[in-house]
């Protein structure tokens, strides 16, 4: 949320601004069809990285929850684009609700550590709790349109909760699924820790820039007008929030998929590699066949294919 109140708020193709949040980018300065062009177009990183995430997650045959996580990240990018393009409250909801829903799916995914082929520990209780939580949250969200803290605090708590879960799975205590000090377990733990802290750093830096953009909005407006539109793009703090959190969300999904895949199958089942064209974008490939899942007399069992 920005503390800057833009005087004489302009209107464009989408009409009057009805969003409860006012970001620092000047409205309709470049186009009558995009209220905030930089904040709109910077969401492309969500969609591109999420699409790539869906592709390699399916190819690696990882738990389907992580496919839904990446689809949710893409939906966040689409909703955020629509929100910043129109500055309508309905599009604000299309941005904010998927943020909470996707984080809940990710939390569910990192809590499910049952080995492939065994009966899930959370068949009823956890899904029921999650469904009930989402129903209550959605009702409160639409009932308190002006309460922006509801969304922000809920999202923050969910992020912290899932991060604590990942950290606990990475710990080296005897109860950890990756407790061995050496070998492939240690390699997975090292890679996931690196990915986890990279994602965390992206969110922390993005949050800092988000606040700078809010607190010093009026001063930033003056600087942008002085240096011109094109150079002023680099001072769009909320756009940097999108770029950094989009990459951070992608890396968080990767870290979770790698960790849970290693726990539910084997630390040797996947390998972390980097995209040929974009060396900064890692992903997973499967290097061992997925265990076959068989059902005998109503009992689920798994067996590994012959190597």
Protein backbone atom coordinates (compact mmCIF):
# COMPACT_ATOMS: atom_id res chain seq x y z
CA UNK A 1 0.00 0.00 0.00
CA UNK A 2 1.26 3.49 -0.80
CA UNK A 3 0.92 6.40 1.57
CA UNK A 4 1.12 8.78 -1.39
CA UNK A 5 -2.26 10.19 -2.36
CA UNK A 6 -2.09 11.23 -5.99
CA UNK A 7 -4.05 14.48 -6.48
CA UNK A 8 -6.63 14.56 -9.23
CA UNK A 9 -6.39 10.83 -9.97
CA UNK A 10 -6.63 10.51 -13.79
CA UNK A 11 -8.97 8.03 -15.46
CA UNK A 12 -8.44 6.01 -18.61
CA UNK A 13 -10.19 3.31 -20.59
CA UNK A 14 -11.16 1.39 -17.42
CA UNK A 15 -12.78 4.37 -15.74
CA UNK A 16 -12.53 5.42 -12.11
CA UNK A 17 -9.94 3.82 -9.85
CA UNK A 18 -11.76 1.61 -7.30
CA UNK A 19 -8.83 -0.38 -5.84
CA UNK A 20 -8.19 -0.01 -2.11
CA UNK A 21 -4.43 0.21 -2.74
CA UNK A 22 -2.69 3.07 -4.51
CA UNK A 23 0.75 2.27 -5.89
CA UNK A 24 3.43 4.79 -6.69
CA UNK A 25 3.48 4.55 -10.48
CA UNK A 26 1.63 7.51 -12.00
CA UNK A 27 -1.69 6.45 -13.48
CA UNK A 28 -2.36 6.41 -17.24
CA UNK A 29 0.77 8.40 -18.05
CA UNK A 30 1.83 6.17 -20.96
CA UNK A 31 -1.42 4.65 -22.21
CA UNK A 32 -5.13 5.00 -21.60
CA UNK A 33 -5.39 1.17 -21.57
CA UNK A 34 -2.78 0.51 -18.86
CA UNK A 35 -3.18 2.42 -15.62
CA UNK A 36 0.30 1.33 -14.47
CA UNK A 37 2.31 0.00 -17.44
CA UNK A 38 5.51 -0.88 -15.55
CA UNK A 39 3.68 -2.57 -12.69
CA UNK A 40 1.52 -4.44 -15.22
CA UNK A 41 4.18 -5.67 -17.63
CA UNK A 42 6.66 -6.67 -14.91
CA UNK A 43 4.30 -9.55 -14.08
CA UNK A 44 5.49 -11.38 -17.20
CA UNK A 45 8.19 -12.98 -15.04
CA UNK A 46 5.53 -14.83 -13.02
CA UNK A 47 3.89 -16.31 -16.11
CA UNK A 48 7.09 -17.28 -17.94
CA UNK A 49 8.82 -18.90 -14.97
CA UNK A 50 5.63 -20.61 -13.83
CA UNK A 51 5.07 -22.07 -17.29
CA UNK A 52 8.62 -23.41 -17.26
CA UNK A 53 8.02 -24.78 -13.75
CA UNK A 54 4.90 -26.67 -14.84
CA UNK A 55 6.82 -28.17 -17.75
CA UNK A 56 9.77 -29.61 -15.84
CA UNK A 57 7.62 -30.61 -12.84
CA UNK A 58 5.45 -32.77 -15.10
CA UNK A 59 8.48 -34.21 -16.90
CA UNK A 60 10.16 -35.08 -13.60
CA UNK A 61 6.94 -36.74 -12.37
CA UNK A 62 6.99 -34.81 -9.11
CA UNK A 63 3.93 -34.60 -6.81
CA UNK A 64 1.03 -32.95 -8.61
CA UNK A 65 0.73 -30.35 -5.82
CA UNK A 66 3.83 -28.61 -7.19
CA UNK A 67 2.25 -28.41 -10.64
CA UNK A 68 -0.68 -26.64 -8.98
CA UNK A 69 1.78 -24.35 -7.18
CA UNK A 70 3.28 -23.20 -10.47
CA UNK A 71 -0.15 -22.83 -12.07
CA UNK A 72 -1.06 -20.68 -9.07
CA UNK A 73 2.06 -18.54 -9.57
CA UNK A 74 1.03 -18.00 -13.20
CA UNK A 75 -2.46 -17.03 -12.02
CA UNK A 76 -0.93 -14.51 -9.60
CA UNK A 77 0.93 -12.90 -12.49
CA UNK A 78 -2.19 -12.74 -14.66
CA UNK A 79 -4.28 -11.33 -11.81
CA UNK A 80 -1.62 -8.79 -10.89
CA UNK A 81 -1.34 -7.67 -14.53
CA UNK A 82 -5.11 -7.12 -14.64
CA UNK A 83 -5.06 -5.30 -11.30
CA UNK A 84 -2.32 -2.84 -12.24
CA UNK A 85 -3.72 -2.38 -15.75
CA UNK A 86 -7.19 -1.42 -14.51
CA UNK A 87 -6.80 -0.44 -10.83
CA UNK A 88 -10.23 -1.98 -10.23
CA UNK A 89 -11.09 -3.68 -6.94
CA UNK A 90 -12.40 -6.80 -8.71
CA UNK A 91 -9.00 -7.23 -10.36
CA UNK A 92 -7.29 -6.55 -7.04
CA UNK A 93 -9.10 -9.61 -5.70
CA UNK A 94 -7.93 -11.58 -8.75
CA UNK A 95 -4.38 -10.70 -7.70
CA UNK A 96 -4.57 -11.15 -3.94
CA UNK A 97 -6.69 -14.28 -3.55
CA UNK A 98 -4.40 -16.49 -5.71
CA UNK A 99 -1.45 -15.38 -3.56
CA UNK A 100 -3.07 -16.94 -0.49
CA UNK A 101 -4.46 -19.98 -2.33
CA UNK A 102 -1.10 -20.80 -3.92
CA UNK A 103 0.76 -20.45 -0.63
CA UNK A 104 -1.73 -22.82 0.99
CA UNK A 105 -1.15 -25.39 -1.77
CA UNK A 106 2.61 -25.07 -1.28
CA UNK A 107 2.20 -25.52 2.48
CA UNK A 108 0.13 -28.64 1.85
CA UNK A 109 2.79 -29.98 -0.52
CA UNK A 110 5.67 -29.59 1.96
CA UNK A 111 3.68 -31.20 4.77
CA UNK A 112 2.99 -34.34 2.74
CA UNK A 113 6.16 -36.42 3.16
CA UNK A 114 4.61 -39.90 2.99
CA UNK A 115 6.76 -42.16 0.78
CA UNK A 116 5.34 -42.90 -2.67
CA UNK A 117 3.02 -45.88 -2.51
CA UNK A 118 2.19 -45.62 1.18
CA UNK A 119 -1.09 -44.43 2.61
CA UNK A 120 -1.10 -40.65 3.14
CA UNK A 121 -1.06 -39.37 6.71
CA UNK A 122 -3.26 -36.40 5.77
CA UNK A 123 -6.11 -37.95 3.82
CA UNK A 124 -8.92 -36.28 5.79
CA UNK A 125 -7.80 -33.93 8.56
CA UNK A 126 -5.42 -31.64 6.65
CA UNK A 127 -7.57 -31.30 3.48
CA UNK A 128 -10.62 -30.57 5.66
CA UNK A 129 -8.73 -27.95 7.64
CA UNK A 130 -7.37 -26.30 4.47
CA UNK A 131 -10.78 -26.27 2.76
CA UNK A 132 -12.42 -24.76 5.85
CA UNK A 133 -9.66 -22.16 6.20
CA UNK A 134 -9.99 -21.05 2.57
CA UNK A 135 -13.77 -20.77 2.81
CA UNK A 136 -13.51 -18.63 5.96
CA UNK A 137 -10.68 -16.49 4.57
CA UNK A 138 -12.48 -15.86 1.27
CA UNK A 139 -15.65 -14.84 3.12
CA UNK A 140 -13.70 -12.46 5.38
CA UNK A 141 -11.81 -11.06 2.38
CA UNK A 142 -14.98 -10.08 0.50
CA UNK A 143 -16.67 -8.90 3.70
CA UNK A 144 -13.81 -6.53 4.57
CA UNK A 145 -12.83 -4.94 1.27
CA UNK A 146 -11.19 -1.96 2.93
CA UNK A 147 -9.12 -4.04 5.35
CA UNK A 148 -5.88 -4.47 3.40
CA UNK A 149 -4.07 -5.84 6.46
CA UNK A 150 -6.21 -9.00 6.42
CA UNK A 151 -4.64 -10.15 3.17
CA UNK A 152 -1.13 -8.96 3.97
CA UNK A 153 -0.99 -10.59 7.41
CA UNK A 154 -2.56 -13.84 6.21
CA UNK A 155 -0.13 -14.08 3.32
CA UNK A 156 2.85 -13.28 5.56
CA UNK A 157 1.86 -15.89 8.16
CA UNK A 158 1.40 -18.57 5.52
CA UNK A 159 4.80 -17.77 4.02
CA UNK A 160 6.47 -17.93 7.41
CA UNK A 161 4.69 -21.18 8.26
CA UNK A 162 5.78 -22.94 5.06
CA UNK A 163 9.34 -21.62 5.50
CA UNK A 164 9.49 -23.00 9.04
CA UNK A 165 8.28 -26.37 7.73
CA UNK A 166 10.99 -26.47 5.04
CA UNK A 167 13.64 -25.46 7.56
CA UNK A 168 12.52 -28.17 9.99
CA UNK A 169 12.76 -30.82 7.25
CA UNK A 170 16.27 -29.64 6.47
CA UNK A 171 17.46 -29.87 10.07
CA UNK A 172 20.00 -32.52 10.92
CA UNK A 173 18.30 -33.91 14.01
CA UNK A 174 17.55 -37.66 14.12
CA UNK A 175 13.90 -37.15 13.16
CA UNK A 176 14.83 -35.44 9.90
CA UNK A 177 14.19 -37.40 6.69
CA UNK A 178 17.54 -36.13 5.40
CA UNK A 179 19.60 -36.58 8.55
CA UNK A 180 22.70 -38.26 7.14
CA UNK A 181 25.83 -36.09 7.22
CA UNK A 182 27.27 -37.25 3.91
CA UNK A 183 26.35 -38.73 0.53
CA UNK A 184 23.35 -37.84 -1.58
CA UNK A 185 21.25 -36.76 1.42
CA UNK A 186 23.81 -34.11 2.31
CA UNK A 187 23.95 -32.95 -1.33
CA UNK A 188 20.17 -32.54 -1.50
CA UNK A 189 20.19 -30.68 1.81
CA UNK A 190 22.97 -28.38 0.57
CA UNK A 191 21.16 -27.60 -2.71
CA UNK A 192 17.78 -27.03 -1.04
CA UNK A 193 19.33 -24.77 1.59
CA UNK A 194 20.96 -22.69 -1.15
CA UNK A 195 17.67 -22.44 -3.06
CA UNK A 196 15.76 -21.66 0.14
CA UNK A 197 18.06 -18.78 1.09
CA UNK A 198 18.11 -17.46 -2.48
CA UNK A 199 14.31 -17.33 -2.45
CA UNK A 200 14.30 -15.70 0.99
CA UNK A 201 16.81 -13.06 -0.15
CA UNK A 202 14.64 -12.25 -3.18
CA UNK A 203 11.60 -11.68 -0.97
CA UNK A 204 13.51 -9.63 1.61
CA UNK A 205 15.06 -7.31 -1.01
CA UNK A 206 11.72 -7.06 -2.83
CA UNK A 207 9.96 -6.13 0.40
CA UNK A 208 12.58 -3.45 1.11
CA UNK A 209 12.12 -1.91 -2.35
CA UNK A 210 8.33 -2.18 -1.95
CA UNK A 211 8.55 -0.06 1.19
CA UNK A 212 10.98 2.46 -0.32
CA UNK A 213 8.55 2.90 -3.20
CA UNK A 214 5.72 3.53 -0.75
CA UNK A 215 7.44 5.77 1.80
CA UNK A 216 9.36 7.96 -0.68
CA UNK A 217 6.76 7.95 -3.45
CA UNK A 218 6.43 11.72 -3.82
CA UNK A 219 10.22 12.17 -4.03
CA UNK A 220 10.46 9.34 -6.57
CA UNK A 221 7.79 11.02 -8.69
CA UNK A 222 9.91 14.17 -8.84
CA UNK A 223 13.07 12.26 -9.76
CA UNK A 224 11.30 10.27 -12.50
CA UNK A 225 9.92 13.45 -14.05
CA UNK A 226 13.37 14.99 -13.96
CA UNK A 227 15.24 12.10 -15.62
CA UNK A 228 12.50 11.14 -18.07
CA UNK A 229 10.12 8.23 -18.60
CA UNK A 230 12.53 5.57 -19.89
CA UNK A 231 15.34 6.03 -17.32
CA UNK A 232 12.65 6.39 -14.66
CA UNK A 233 11.60 2.78 -15.24
CA UNK A 234 14.50 1.55 -13.10
CA UNK A 235 13.07 3.51 -10.14
CA UNK A 236 9.71 1.74 -10.22
CA UNK A 237 10.04 -0.04 -6.89
CA UNK A 238 6.83 -2.04 -7.13
CA UNK A 239 7.90 -3.40 -10.52
CA UNK A 240 11.09 -4.65 -8.87
CA UNK A 241 8.86 -6.28 -6.25
CA UNK A 242 7.18 -8.24 -9.05
CA UNK A 243 10.45 -9.25 -10.71
CA UNK A 244 12.12 -10.36 -7.49
CA UNK A 245 9.11 -12.10 -5.93
CA UNK A 246 8.33 -13.82 -9.24
CA UNK A 247 11.83 -15.29 -9.32
CA UNK A 248 11.74 -15.97 -5.57
CA UNK A 249 8.42 -17.83 -5.86
CA UNK A 250 9.80 -19.96 -8.70
CA UNK A 251 12.89 -20.84 -6.63
CA UNK A 252 10.76 -21.60 -3.56
CA UNK A 253 8.66 -24.02 -5.61
CA UNK A 254 11.83 -25.66 -6.90
CA UNK A 255 13.30 -25.99 -3.40
CA UNK A 256 10.09 -27.54 -2.10
CA UNK A 257 9.78 -29.95 -5.03
CA UNK A 258 13.41 -31.05 -4.69
CA UNK A 259 13.12 -31.57 -0.93
CA UNK A 260 9.80 -33.42 -0.98
CA UNK A 261 10.79 -35.48 -4.02
CA UNK A 262 13.96 -36.59 -2.25
CA UNK A 263 12.07 -37.46 0.94
CA UNK A 264 9.16 -39.27 -0.69
CA UNK A 265 11.31 -41.22 -3.16
CA UNK A 266 15.08 -41.02 -2.90
CA UNK A 267 17.81 -38.34 -2.70
CA UNK A 268 19.21 -39.92 -5.89
CA UNK A 269 15.97 -39.64 -7.88
CA UNK A 270 16.51 -36.07 -9.16
CA UNK A 271 19.33 -33.82 -10.32
CA UNK A 272 19.49 -30.03 -10.20
CA UNK A 273 20.51 -28.50 -13.54
CA UNK A 274 20.41 -25.06 -15.16
CA UNK A 275 18.62 -23.92 -18.29
CA UNK A 276 20.88 -23.65 -21.34
CA UNK A 277 19.76 -20.18 -22.36
CA UNK A 278 19.22 -18.74 -18.89
CA UNK A 279 21.98 -19.95 -16.59
CA UNK A 280 20.34 -18.30 -13.59
CA UNK A 281 17.24 -20.51 -13.88
CA UNK A 282 17.67 -23.95 -12.27
CA UNK A 283 15.25 -26.86 -12.56
CA UNK A 284 15.02 -30.58 -11.79
CA UNK A 285 15.38 -33.62 -14.02
CA UNK A 286 14.55 -37.17 -13.05
CA UNK A 287 17.53 -39.56 -13.12
CA UNK A 288 15.83 -42.62 -11.59
CA UNK A 289 12.54 -44.22 -12.66
CA UNK A 290 9.55 -43.37 -10.53
CA UNK A 291 8.48 -46.22 -8.23
CA UNK A 292 5.60 -48.26 -9.60
CA UNK A 293 2.49 -47.99 -7.46
CA UNK A 294 0.34 -51.10 -7.20
CA UNK A 295 -2.91 -51.76 -5.41
CA UNK A 296 -3.43 -55.24 -3.99
CA UNK A 297 -6.54 -56.10 -1.97
CA UNK A 298 -7.14 -52.42 -1.32
CA UNK A 299 -3.57 -51.88 -0.04
CA UNK A 300 -1.30 -49.43 -1.83
CA UNK A 301 2.29 -50.58 -2.32
CA UNK A 302 5.25 -49.40 -4.35
CA UNK A 303 8.18 -51.08 -6.00
CA UNK A 304 11.06 -49.58 -7.91
CA UNK A 305 11.55 -50.46 -11.52
CA UNK A 306 14.61 -52.45 -12.39
CA UNK A 307 17.59 -50.23 -12.91
